[in-house]
């Protein structure tokens, strides 16, 4: 069973695009929230995570970090399990 994946991104951030591309490669459905179009939502996310950068990636409400963290989980063989991919 796949998990709910939410990313907070900007349209021009290369790390955001790289994270989205990784999830696309995995065939994962995700919600991509543009922080420029939703600044109030992003303020709440920043307060929750303590981060002021993008992307910010959540899997089932758990903050996993940014692009580098996503790719590290994949290299370690942990990402598919977190995403519910068998």
C-alpha atoms as a PDB file:
ATOM      1  CA  UNK A   1       0.000   0.000   0.000  1.00  0.00           C
ATOM      2  CA  UNK A   2       1.528   3.302  -1.057  1.00  0.00           C
ATOM      3  CA  UNK A   3       1.811   6.128   1.412  1.00  0.00           C
ATOM      4  CA  UNK A   4       0.729   9.757   1.263  1.00  0.00           C
ATOM      5  CA  UNK A   5       3.637  11.832  -0.009  1.00  0.00           C
ATOM      6  CA  UNK A   6       3.646  15.628   0.193  1.00  0.00           C
ATOM      7  CA  UNK A   7       6.401  17.925  -1.037  1.00  0.00           C
ATOM      8  CA  UNK A   8       6.784  21.647  -0.501  1.00  0.00           C
ATOM      9  CA  UNK A   9       8.696  23.034  -3.471  1.00  0.00           C
ATOM     10  CA  UNK A  10       9.302  25.942  -5.817  1.00  0.00           C
ATOM     11  CA  UNK A  11       9.100  25.703  -9.594  1.00  0.00           C
ATOM     12  CA  UNK A  12      12.706  26.793 -10.167  1.00  0.00           C
ATOM     13  CA  UNK A  13      14.562  24.900  -7.433  1.00  0.00           C
ATOM     14  CA  UNK A  14      16.858  22.250  -8.977  1.00  0.00           C
ATOM     15  CA  UNK A  15      16.743  20.140  -5.796  1.00  0.00           C
ATOM     16  CA  UNK A  16      12.950  20.206  -5.884  1.00  0.00           C
ATOM     17  CA  UNK A  17      12.944  19.082  -9.500  1.00  0.00           C
ATOM     18  CA  UNK A  18      15.417  16.307  -8.691  1.00  0.00           C
ATOM     19  CA  UNK A  19      13.251  15.056  -5.805  1.00  0.00           C
ATOM     20  CA  UNK A  20      10.126  15.120  -7.968  1.00  0.00           C
ATOM     21  CA  UNK A  21      11.962  13.231 -10.711  1.00  0.00           C
ATOM     22  CA  UNK A  22      13.013  10.516  -8.210  1.00  0.00           C
ATOM     23  CA  UNK A  23       9.413  10.048  -7.071  1.00  0.00           C
ATOM     24  CA  UNK A  24       8.234   9.973 -10.688  1.00  0.00           C
ATOM     25  CA  UNK A  25      10.819   7.241 -11.395  1.00  0.00           C
ATOM     26  CA  UNK A  26       9.371   5.277  -8.477  1.00  0.00           C
ATOM     27  CA  UNK A  27       5.852   5.700  -9.878  1.00  0.00           C
ATOM     28  CA  UNK A  28       4.699   7.382  -6.676  1.00  0.00           C
ATOM     29  CA  UNK A  29       1.661   9.637  -6.516  1.00  0.00           C
ATOM     30  CA  UNK A  30       2.387  12.772  -4.526  1.00  0.00           C
ATOM     31  CA  UNK A  31       1.009  16.181  -3.692  1.00  0.00           C
ATOM     32  CA  UNK A  32       3.331  18.988  -4.780  1.00  0.00           C
ATOM     33  CA  UNK A  33       2.673  22.265  -2.961  1.00  0.00           C
ATOM     34  CA  UNK A  34       4.296  25.351  -4.476  1.00  0.00           C
ATOM     35  CA  UNK A  35       5.417  27.495  -1.540  1.00  0.00           C
ATOM     36  CA  UNK A  36       5.311  30.697  -3.574  1.00  0.00           C
ATOM     37  CA  UNK A  37       1.601  30.170  -4.208  1.00  0.00           C
ATOM     38  CA  UNK A  38       0.979  29.058  -0.594  1.00  0.00           C
ATOM     39  CA  UNK A  39       3.179  31.209   1.684  1.00  0.00           C
ATOM     40  CA  UNK A  40       0.960  30.822   4.759  1.00  0.00           C
ATOM     41  CA  UNK A  41       1.006  27.036   4.442  1.00  0.00           C
ATOM     42  CA  UNK A  42       4.780  27.116   4.100  1.00  0.00           C
ATOM     43  CA  UNK A  43       5.131  29.271   7.233  1.00  0.00           C
ATOM     44  CA  UNK A  44       3.288  26.565   9.167  1.00  0.00           C
ATOM     45  CA  UNK A  45       5.528  23.858   7.687  1.00  0.00           C
ATOM     46  CA  UNK A  46       8.673  25.835   8.536  1.00  0.00           C
ATOM     47  CA  UNK A  47       7.455  26.173  12.129  1.00  0.00           C
ATOM     48  CA  UNK A  48       6.885  22.400  12.251  1.00  0.00           C
ATOM     49  CA  UNK A  49      10.235  21.348  10.753  1.00  0.00           C
ATOM     50  CA  UNK A  50      12.541  24.222  11.646  1.00  0.00           C
ATOM     51  CA  UNK A  51      13.693  24.308   8.025  1.00  0.00           C
ATOM     52  CA  UNK A  52      13.371  27.344   5.767  1.00  0.00           C
ATOM     53  CA  UNK A  53      14.520  25.638   2.572  1.00  0.00           C
ATOM     54  CA  UNK A  54      12.861  23.532  -0.103  1.00  0.00           C
ATOM     55  CA  UNK A  55      12.104  20.836  -0.886  1.00  0.00           C
ATOM     56  CA  UNK A  56      10.570  19.615   2.324  1.00  0.00           C
ATOM     57  CA  UNK A  57       9.308  16.067   1.937  1.00  0.00           C
ATOM     58  CA  UNK A  58       6.785  14.228   4.091  1.00  0.00           C
ATOM     59  CA  UNK A  59       5.745  10.583   3.883  1.00  0.00           C
ATOM     60  CA  UNK A  60       2.578   9.820   5.855  1.00  0.00           C
ATOM     61  CA  UNK A  61       2.999  12.999   7.938  1.00  0.00           C
ATOM     62  CA  UNK A  62       6.610  12.097   8.826  1.00  0.00           C
ATOM     63  CA  UNK A  63       9.196  14.663   7.756  1.00  0.00           C
ATOM     64  CA  UNK A  64      12.006  12.846   5.950  1.00  0.00           C
ATOM     65  CA  UNK A  65      14.003  15.929   4.961  1.00  0.00           C
ATOM     66  CA  UNK A  66      14.967  17.287   1.571  1.00  0.00           C
ATOM     67  CA  UNK A  67      16.279  16.058  -1.751  1.00  0.00           C
ATOM     68  CA  UNK A  68      19.601  14.751  -0.439  1.00  0.00           C
ATOM     69  CA  UNK A  69      17.793  12.864   2.329  1.00  0.00           C
ATOM     70  CA  UNK A  70      15.374  11.327  -0.195  1.00  0.00           C
ATOM     71  CA  UNK A  71      18.229  10.121  -2.385  1.00  0.00           C
ATOM     72  CA  UNK A  72      20.189   8.832   0.620  1.00  0.00           C
ATOM     73  CA  UNK A  73      17.187   6.750   1.700  1.00  0.00           C
ATOM     74  CA  UNK A  74      17.002   5.338  -1.823  1.00  0.00           C
ATOM     75  CA  UNK A  75      20.728   4.473  -1.879  1.00  0.00           C
ATOM     76  CA  UNK A  76      20.358   2.765   1.515  1.00  0.00           C
ATOM     77  CA  UNK A  77      17.462   0.680   0.186  1.00  0.00           C
ATOM     78  CA  UNK A  78      14.994   2.232   2.655  1.00  0.00           C
ATOM     79  CA  UNK A  79      12.932   4.508   0.408  1.00  0.00           C
ATOM     80  CA  UNK A  80      10.759   1.845  -1.224  1.00  0.00           C
ATOM     81  CA  UNK A  81       9.699   0.543   2.190  1.00  0.00           C
ATOM     82  CA  UNK A  82       8.841   4.033   3.410  1.00  0.00           C
ATOM     83  CA  UNK A  83       6.827   4.634   0.249  1.00  0.00           C
ATOM     84  CA  UNK A  84       5.029   1.301   0.550  1.00  0.00           C
ATOM     85  CA  UNK A  85       6.502  -0.027  -2.699  1.00  0.00           C
ATOM     86  CA  UNK A  86       7.088  -3.764  -2.647  1.00  0.00           C
END
